[in-house]
């Protein structure tokens, strides 16, 4: 009887082994067929359990995202170098995560009867880590800019290794995967605004000297001949002296709310915004992570840009104070143009004031 059970057990083990080998061969064949014999690198990285992220502040309700929520969202795979503000190279990495754009698309900002119609473009997004550290961005640079190199909440990191001698390669400082969520800003020249263990995002209003700025008058037909620069207690009229003119052709213009503008691509010329700001706001550089510029139109329209976006990204080098569009002066006169944006909603026309803002968090409610 005992011998019978031994033979039975052996038969079960042999059957299981054969089944495993057959399954392995079949799945390996499917794997090869799926990639035509290639060896894939950009494989899907699963969202780990235990993630939790909230969005609150100036929003209609508190939004909570879990690992399950992130699994339902589209993912981005981003290859990026990492460099410290001091210029030290930390390596090259592949991050997988959720662009902040995908999250904010479903978040409804809070508006009251006293708020400007343009909100949330005059608001800032403050990311908070579990240890209390923060990183600040303008709402516009997260949502209105293009999809290339998006600010992203990453949940997976792996070193980007060379093809020759990867085993002896030592240029990547980080070898381990990340824990929790890491905020990365791959479009920037360094990791000043990267943040580990992110748990929360708050949309915040900024304090402004409203008695010095045009009141909100929606649909107002107005224009601007001069621009006043406000820097703390200092006020001065802006000058374009020694500011170079730049040009952009094949400008595709589409609005977030009303869609495509015009029947053909446009051309624009204007004053280089980086130089314009440096000349009119002494001490603008270096671009601190809490520095922002608020542009205000003659109708009260307001839009805020981070100094880091303007001065520390390739896109920022194309921004201009628009002088002509297809050879014609823009409506309202002075117009700020973030030419690399996907949407043109941050094109503030009839600019009357530019306010330099230095943020300290937590912000004034």
Protein backbone atom coordinates (compact mmCIF):
# COMPACT_ATOMS: atom_id res chain seq x y z
CA UNK A 1 0.00 0.00 0.00
CA UNK A 2 2.83 2.32 0.92
CA UNK A 3 4.58 1.55 -2.38
CA UNK A 4 1.38 2.44 -4.24
CA UNK A 5 1.23 5.89 -2.63
CA UNK A 6 4.89 6.51 -3.39
CA UNK A 7 4.33 5.69 -7.07
CA UNK A 8 1.21 7.86 -7.09
CA UNK A 9 3.09 10.79 -5.60
CA UNK A 10 5.94 10.40 -8.07
CA UNK A 11 3.46 10.37 -10.95
CA UNK A 12 1.88 13.59 -9.69
CA UNK A 13 5.28 15.28 -9.43
CA UNK A 14 6.28 14.18 -12.93
CA UNK A 15 2.96 15.40 -14.31
CA UNK A 16 3.39 18.76 -12.59
CA UNK A 17 6.93 19.09 -13.91
CA UNK A 18 5.82 18.30 -17.46
CA UNK A 19 2.93 20.76 -17.17
CA UNK A 20 5.30 23.50 -15.96
CA UNK A 21 7.75 22.89 -18.79
CA UNK A 22 4.98 22.95 -21.37
CA UNK A 23 3.54 26.15 -19.86
CA UNK A 24 6.98 27.76 -19.83
CA UNK A 25 7.60 26.87 -23.46
CA UNK A 26 4.15 28.12 -24.49
CA UNK A 27 4.42 31.42 -22.66
CA UNK A 28 7.98 31.94 -23.89
CA UNK A 29 6.71 31.44 -27.43
CA UNK A 30 3.93 33.95 -26.81
CA UNK A 31 6.51 36.38 -25.42
CA UNK A 32 8.74 36.01 -28.48
CA UNK A 33 5.75 36.28 -30.83
CA UNK A 34 4.54 39.44 -29.08
CA UNK A 35 7.82 41.24 -29.72
CA UNK A 36 8.90 39.53 -32.96
CA UNK A 37 11.98 38.15 -31.26
CA UNK A 38 13.04 41.51 -29.77
CA UNK A 39 14.18 41.96 -26.19
CA UNK A 40 11.90 44.68 -24.79
CA UNK A 41 13.06 47.23 -22.26
CA UNK A 42 10.00 49.46 -21.80
CA UNK A 43 7.91 46.95 -19.89
CA UNK A 44 4.93 47.95 -17.77
CA UNK A 45 5.90 48.57 -14.15
CA UNK A 46 3.16 47.67 -11.73
CA UNK A 47 1.93 50.27 -9.27
CA UNK A 48 2.92 49.07 -5.77
CA UNK A 49 0.41 48.65 -2.96
CA UNK A 50 0.11 51.19 -0.16
CA UNK A 51 0.30 54.45 -2.12
CA UNK A 52 -1.89 57.31 -0.98
CA UNK A 53 -2.05 60.87 -2.34
CA UNK A 54 -4.52 63.69 -1.65
CA UNK A 55 -5.39 66.95 -3.40
CA UNK A 56 -6.90 69.70 -1.26
CA UNK A 57 -6.77 73.44 -0.61
CA UNK A 58 -8.68 75.69 -3.00
CA UNK A 59 -10.72 72.82 -4.45
CA UNK A 60 -14.42 71.97 -4.27
CA UNK A 61 -13.71 68.80 -2.32
CA UNK A 62 -10.80 66.78 -1.01
CA UNK A 63 -9.60 64.23 -3.55
CA UNK A 64 -7.94 61.00 -2.45
CA UNK A 65 -5.92 58.71 -4.72
CA UNK A 66 -4.81 55.19 -3.80
CA UNK A 67 -2.71 52.54 -5.52
CA UNK A 68 -5.92 51.32 -7.14
CA UNK A 69 -6.60 54.84 -8.48
CA UNK A 70 -3.11 55.07 -9.98
CA UNK A 71 -3.50 51.68 -11.66
CA UNK A 72 -6.46 53.07 -13.61
CA UNK A 73 -4.60 56.16 -14.85
CA UNK A 74 -2.38 56.33 -17.94
CA UNK A 75 1.33 55.98 -17.19
CA UNK A 76 4.41 57.80 -18.48
CA UNK A 77 7.87 56.29 -18.89
CA UNK A 78 10.53 58.99 -18.77
CA UNK A 79 14.28 58.75 -19.31
CA UNK A 80 16.02 61.62 -17.58
CA UNK A 81 19.36 62.69 -16.15
CA UNK A 82 19.47 63.93 -12.59
CA UNK A 83 21.73 66.85 -11.65
CA UNK A 84 21.87 68.67 -8.32
CA UNK A 85 21.64 72.48 -8.07
CA UNK A 86 25.41 72.46 -7.43
CA UNK A 87 25.98 70.70 -10.76
CA UNK A 88 26.78 67.22 -9.43
CA UNK A 89 25.64 64.47 -11.78
CA UNK A 90 23.60 61.88 -9.89
CA UNK A 91 23.09 59.61 -12.91
CA UNK A 92 20.55 58.74 -15.57
CA UNK A 93 17.31 56.96 -14.74
CA UNK A 94 14.08 55.60 -16.14
CA UNK A 95 11.03 56.70 -14.15
CA UNK A 96 7.51 55.35 -14.47
CA UNK A 97 4.68 57.36 -12.99
CA UNK A 98 1.58 59.49 -13.35
CA UNK A 99 1.92 62.97 -14.88
CA UNK A 100 0.35 65.56 -12.60
CA UNK A 101 -1.66 66.73 -15.60
CA UNK A 102 -3.67 63.50 -15.51
CA UNK A 103 -4.60 64.10 -11.89
CA UNK A 104 -5.43 67.81 -12.14
CA UNK A 105 -7.65 67.27 -15.19
CA UNK A 106 -10.23 65.76 -12.82
CA UNK A 107 -9.82 68.25 -9.98
CA UNK A 108 -12.30 71.15 -9.76
CA UNK A 109 -10.78 74.34 -8.30
CA UNK A 110 -12.82 76.28 -5.76
CA UNK A 111 -14.24 79.58 -7.00
CA UNK A 112 -16.18 82.19 -5.11
CA UNK A 113 -18.00 85.31 -6.24
CA UNK A 114 -14.91 87.39 -5.50
CA UNK A 115 -12.48 85.22 -7.46
CA UNK A 116 -11.17 86.17 -10.88
CA UNK A 117 -12.71 84.35 -13.83
CA UNK A 118 -9.33 83.00 -14.88
CA UNK A 119 -8.79 80.76 -11.88
CA UNK A 120 -6.91 78.50 -11.47
CA UNK A 121 -4.28 80.09 -13.76
CA UNK A 122 -3.43 82.57 -10.99
CA UNK A 123 -2.97 79.79 -8.43
CA UNK A 124 0.03 77.74 -7.35
CA UNK A 125 0.31 74.02 -6.69
CA UNK A 126 2.25 73.12 -3.54
CA UNK A 127 3.46 69.53 -3.16
CA UNK A 128 4.07 68.25 0.37
CA UNK A 129 6.27 65.34 1.44
CA UNK A 130 5.69 63.13 4.45
CA UNK A 131 8.62 64.89 6.16
CA UNK A 132 7.17 68.39 5.65
CA UNK A 133 9.26 69.50 2.66
CA UNK A 134 7.52 71.32 -0.18
CA UNK A 135 7.90 72.11 -3.88
CA UNK A 136 5.88 74.85 -5.64
CA UNK A 137 4.68 75.05 -9.25
CA UNK A 138 2.27 77.26 -11.10
CA UNK A 139 -1.00 75.57 -12.05
CA UNK A 140 -0.44 76.59 -15.66
CA UNK A 141 2.93 74.92 -16.09
CA UNK A 142 1.40 71.64 -14.90
CA UNK A 143 -1.73 71.75 -17.08
CA UNK A 144 -1.36 74.17 -20.01
CA UNK A 145 2.18 73.28 -21.12
CA UNK A 146 2.89 70.47 -23.59
CA UNK A 147 2.97 66.77 -22.71
CA UNK A 148 6.73 66.41 -23.28
CA UNK A 149 8.72 65.86 -20.07
CA UNK A 150 5.71 66.41 -17.79
CA UNK A 151 6.02 67.00 -14.06
CA UNK A 152 5.31 63.50 -12.79
CA UNK A 153 4.59 61.53 -9.63
CA UNK A 154 6.90 58.56 -10.14
CA UNK A 155 6.42 55.24 -8.37
CA UNK A 156 9.22 53.27 -10.05
CA UNK A 157 12.86 54.08 -10.79
CA UNK A 158 15.58 52.04 -12.43
CA UNK A 159 19.11 53.05 -13.44
CA UNK A 160 19.61 53.66 -17.15
CA UNK A 161 22.65 51.50 -17.86
CA UNK A 162 25.04 51.60 -20.83
CA UNK A 163 25.01 48.67 -23.23
CA UNK A 164 28.74 48.04 -22.83
CA UNK A 165 30.05 46.90 -19.46
CA UNK A 166 26.93 47.59 -17.38
CA UNK A 167 28.22 45.43 -14.54
CA UNK A 168 31.18 47.74 -13.89
CA UNK A 169 29.27 50.99 -14.43
CA UNK A 170 29.30 53.32 -11.39
CA UNK A 171 27.90 56.63 -12.69
CA UNK A 172 24.40 56.09 -11.27
CA UNK A 173 24.37 57.08 -7.59
CA UNK A 174 20.98 55.46 -6.91
CA UNK A 175 20.77 51.71 -7.41
CA UNK A 176 17.64 51.00 -5.43
CA UNK A 177 14.05 51.62 -6.43
CA UNK A 178 12.08 54.47 -4.85
CA UNK A 179 9.65 54.08 -2.00
CA UNK A 180 6.35 55.91 -2.15
CA UNK A 181 5.92 58.68 -4.72
CA UNK A 182 8.73 60.85 -6.05
CA UNK A 183 7.94 64.15 -7.77
CA UNK A 184 10.21 64.71 -10.77
CA UNK A 185 10.44 67.71 -13.11
CA UNK A 186 12.45 66.28 -16.03
CA UNK A 187 12.21 69.43 -18.20
CA UNK A 188 14.34 71.41 -15.74
CA UNK A 189 18.12 71.63 -15.74
CA UNK A 190 18.49 70.33 -12.17
CA UNK A 191 16.51 68.61 -9.42
CA UNK A 192 15.76 71.72 -7.34
CA UNK A 193 12.00 71.00 -7.34
CA UNK A 194 12.18 67.19 -7.16
CA UNK A 195 10.65 65.83 -3.98
CA UNK A 196 10.68 62.41 -2.29
CA UNK A 197 7.83 60.68 -0.47
CA UNK A 198 5.10 63.03 -1.75
CA UNK A 199 1.76 62.59 -0.01
CA UNK A 200 -0.27 65.73 -0.72
CA UNK A 201 -0.91 68.55 -3.20
CA UNK A 202 -2.65 71.80 -2.25
CA UNK A 203 -3.95 74.39 -4.69
CA UNK A 204 -3.33 77.81 -3.15
CA UNK A 205 -4.12 81.45 -3.81
CA UNK A 206 -1.28 83.95 -3.63
CA UNK A 207 -1.30 87.23 -1.70
CA UNK A 208 -1.51 90.22 -4.10
CA UNK A 209 -1.69 94.02 -3.67
CA UNK A 210 -5.14 94.25 -5.29
CA UNK A 211 -5.37 98.02 -4.66
CA UNK A 212 -2.52 98.46 -7.17
CA UNK A 213 -3.93 96.13 -9.84
CA UNK A 214 -6.78 96.50 -12.37
CA UNK A 215 -10.11 95.16 -11.10
CA UNK A 216 -11.74 92.22 -12.82
CA UNK A 217 -14.02 93.39 -15.63
CA UNK A 218 -14.88 90.40 -17.75
CA UNK A 219 -15.31 91.08 -21.47
CA UNK A 220 -13.89 94.59 -21.01
CA UNK A 221 -12.67 96.14 -24.25
CA UNK A 222 -9.35 97.64 -23.23
CA UNK A 223 -5.69 97.96 -24.14
CA UNK A 224 -2.37 98.73 -22.50
CA UNK A 225 0.32 101.19 -23.55
CA UNK A 226 2.68 100.72 -20.59
CA UNK A 227 3.61 97.96 -18.16
CA UNK A 228 4.29 98.63 -14.47
CA UNK A 229 6.73 96.29 -12.72
CA UNK A 230 6.02 95.66 -9.03
CA UNK A 231 8.86 94.20 -6.97
CA UNK A 232 8.08 94.47 -3.27
CA UNK A 233 7.90 98.18 -2.49
CA UNK A 234 9.54 99.10 -5.79
CA UNK A 235 7.53 100.23 -8.81
CA UNK A 236 8.89 101.10 -12.22
CA UNK A 237 7.71 101.31 -15.82
CA UNK A 238 8.99 98.42 -17.90
CA UNK A 239 11.48 99.08 -20.67
CA UNK A 240 12.33 97.01 -23.73
CA UNK A 241 15.68 98.72 -24.20
CA UNK A 242 18.40 96.17 -25.00
CA UNK A 243 15.85 93.34 -25.10
CA UNK A 244 16.32 91.25 -28.26
CA UNK A 245 13.46 90.43 -30.59
CA UNK A 246 12.77 86.75 -31.28
CA UNK A 247 10.46 85.02 -33.74
CA UNK A 248 8.30 81.89 -33.76
CA UNK A 249 6.79 80.45 -36.93
CA UNK A 250 4.28 77.62 -37.41
CA UNK A 251 2.54 78.54 -34.15
CA UNK A 252 -0.46 76.28 -33.60
CA UNK A 253 -2.98 78.09 -31.39
CA UNK A 254 -5.65 76.19 -29.51
CA UNK A 255 -7.61 77.30 -26.47
CA UNK A 256 -8.49 75.01 -23.59
CA UNK A 257 -12.13 76.16 -23.63
CA UNK A 258 -12.89 77.21 -27.22
CA UNK A 259 -10.59 75.09 -29.34
CA UNK A 260 -8.53 75.94 -32.43
CA UNK A 261 -7.96 79.59 -33.26
CA UNK A 262 -7.61 80.59 -36.91
CA UNK A 263 -7.50 78.54 -40.10
CA UNK A 264 -3.73 78.33 -40.52
CA UNK A 265 -0.54 78.33 -38.50
CA UNK A 266 0.57 81.74 -37.22
CA UNK A 267 3.88 83.56 -36.95
CA UNK A 268 4.78 85.80 -34.02
CA UNK A 269 7.60 88.12 -33.04
CA UNK A 270 8.29 89.74 -29.73
CA UNK A 271 10.73 90.65 -26.99
CA UNK A 272 12.64 87.80 -25.33
CA UNK A 273 10.84 87.35 -22.00
CA UNK A 274 13.86 86.10 -20.03
CA UNK A 275 15.88 89.19 -20.94
CA UNK A 276 12.85 91.45 -20.44
CA UNK A 277 12.40 90.20 -16.88
CA UNK A 278 16.10 90.27 -16.03
CA UNK A 279 16.38 93.88 -17.23
CA UNK A 280 13.26 95.08 -15.41
CA UNK A 281 13.60 93.05 -12.21
CA UNK A 282 17.19 93.32 -10.93
CA UNK A 283 18.25 90.27 -8.95
CA UNK A 284 15.92 87.94 -10.85
CA UNK A 285 18.66 85.32 -11.21
CA UNK A 286 19.31 82.83 -9.81
CA UNK A 287 15.75 81.53 -10.14
CA UNK A 288 14.78 80.48 -6.63
CA UNK A 289 12.15 77.69 -6.29
CA UNK A 290 9.75 80.11 -4.57
CA UNK A 291 10.00 82.90 -7.16
CA UNK A 292 7.03 83.56 -9.43
CA UNK A 293 5.86 86.28 -11.83
CA UNK A 294 2.19 87.32 -11.99
CA UNK A 295 1.05 88.96 -15.25
CA UNK A 296 -2.10 91.08 -15.03
CA UNK A 297 -4.16 92.28 -18.00
CA UNK A 298 -6.14 95.52 -18.29
CA UNK A 299 -9.37 93.53 -17.78
CA UNK A 300 -8.06 91.98 -14.56
CA UNK A 301 -7.05 88.65 -16.12
CA UNK A 302 -4.22 87.12 -14.11
CA UNK A 303 -1.76 84.36 -14.82
CA UNK A 304 1.21 83.22 -12.76
CA UNK A 305 4.45 81.66 -14.03
CA UNK A 306 7.21 80.11 -11.98
CA UNK A 307 10.64 81.63 -12.34
CA UNK A 308 12.04 78.11 -12.68
CA UNK A 309 9.86 77.45 -15.73
CA UNK A 310 10.92 80.65 -17.44
CA UNK A 311 14.65 80.47 -16.70
CA UNK A 312 15.41 76.77 -16.21
CA UNK A 313 13.64 74.96 -19.06
CA UNK A 314 14.21 74.96 -22.84
CA UNK A 315 10.57 76.01 -23.32
CA UNK A 316 11.11 79.14 -21.24
CA UNK A 317 13.70 80.40 -23.73
CA UNK A 318 10.94 80.72 -26.36
CA UNK A 319 8.61 82.83 -24.18
CA UNK A 320 8.14 86.42 -25.34
CA UNK A 321 6.32 89.68 -24.88
CA UNK A 322 4.47 89.42 -28.18
CA UNK A 323 4.87 92.41 -30.49
CA UNK A 324 3.14 91.11 -33.63
CA UNK A 325 1.05 88.12 -34.71
CA UNK A 326 1.18 87.60 -38.48
CA UNK A 327 2.57 91.12 -38.75
CA UNK A 328 -0.27 92.75 -36.79
CA UNK A 329 -0.13 94.20 -33.28
CA UNK A 330 -2.04 91.94 -30.87
CA UNK A 331 -5.37 92.95 -29.41
CA UNK A 332 -4.91 95.10 -26.36
CA UNK A 333 -1.23 95.82 -26.95
CA UNK A 334 1.36 94.27 -24.62
CA UNK A 335 0.87 90.46 -24.55
CA UNK A 336 2.83 87.76 -22.75
CA UNK A 337 3.25 84.62 -24.84
CA UNK A 338 4.42 81.23 -23.51
CA UNK A 339 4.99 80.03 -27.06
CA UNK A 340 5.79 76.40 -26.18
CA UNK A 341 2.48 75.83 -24.40
CA UNK A 342 -0.05 73.42 -25.89
CA UNK A 343 -2.93 75.73 -24.97
CA UNK A 344 -2.81 79.52 -25.39
CA UNK A 345 -4.80 80.28 -22.23
CA UNK A 346 -1.72 81.76 -20.57
CA UNK A 347 -1.39 84.40 -23.31
CA UNK A 348 -2.31 87.45 -21.25
CA UNK A 349 -3.14 90.37 -23.55
CA UNK A 350 -3.25 94.02 -22.55
CA UNK A 351 -0.66 93.49 -19.80
CA UNK A 352 -0.60 96.44 -17.41
CA UNK A 353 1.31 94.98 -14.45
CA UNK A 354 3.94 92.35 -13.76
CA UNK A 355 4.32 91.41 -10.12
CA UNK A 356 7.31 89.48 -8.77
CA UNK A 357 6.15 87.09 -6.03
CA UNK A 358 8.38 85.34 -3.52
CA UNK A 359 6.37 82.55 -1.92
CA UNK A 360 6.67 81.16 1.54
CA UNK A 361 4.59 78.12 2.41
CA UNK A 362 2.16 77.60 3.94
CA UNK A 363 0.57 80.38 1.94
CA UNK A 364 -2.04 82.85 3.11
CA UNK A 365 -5.50 81.19 2.70
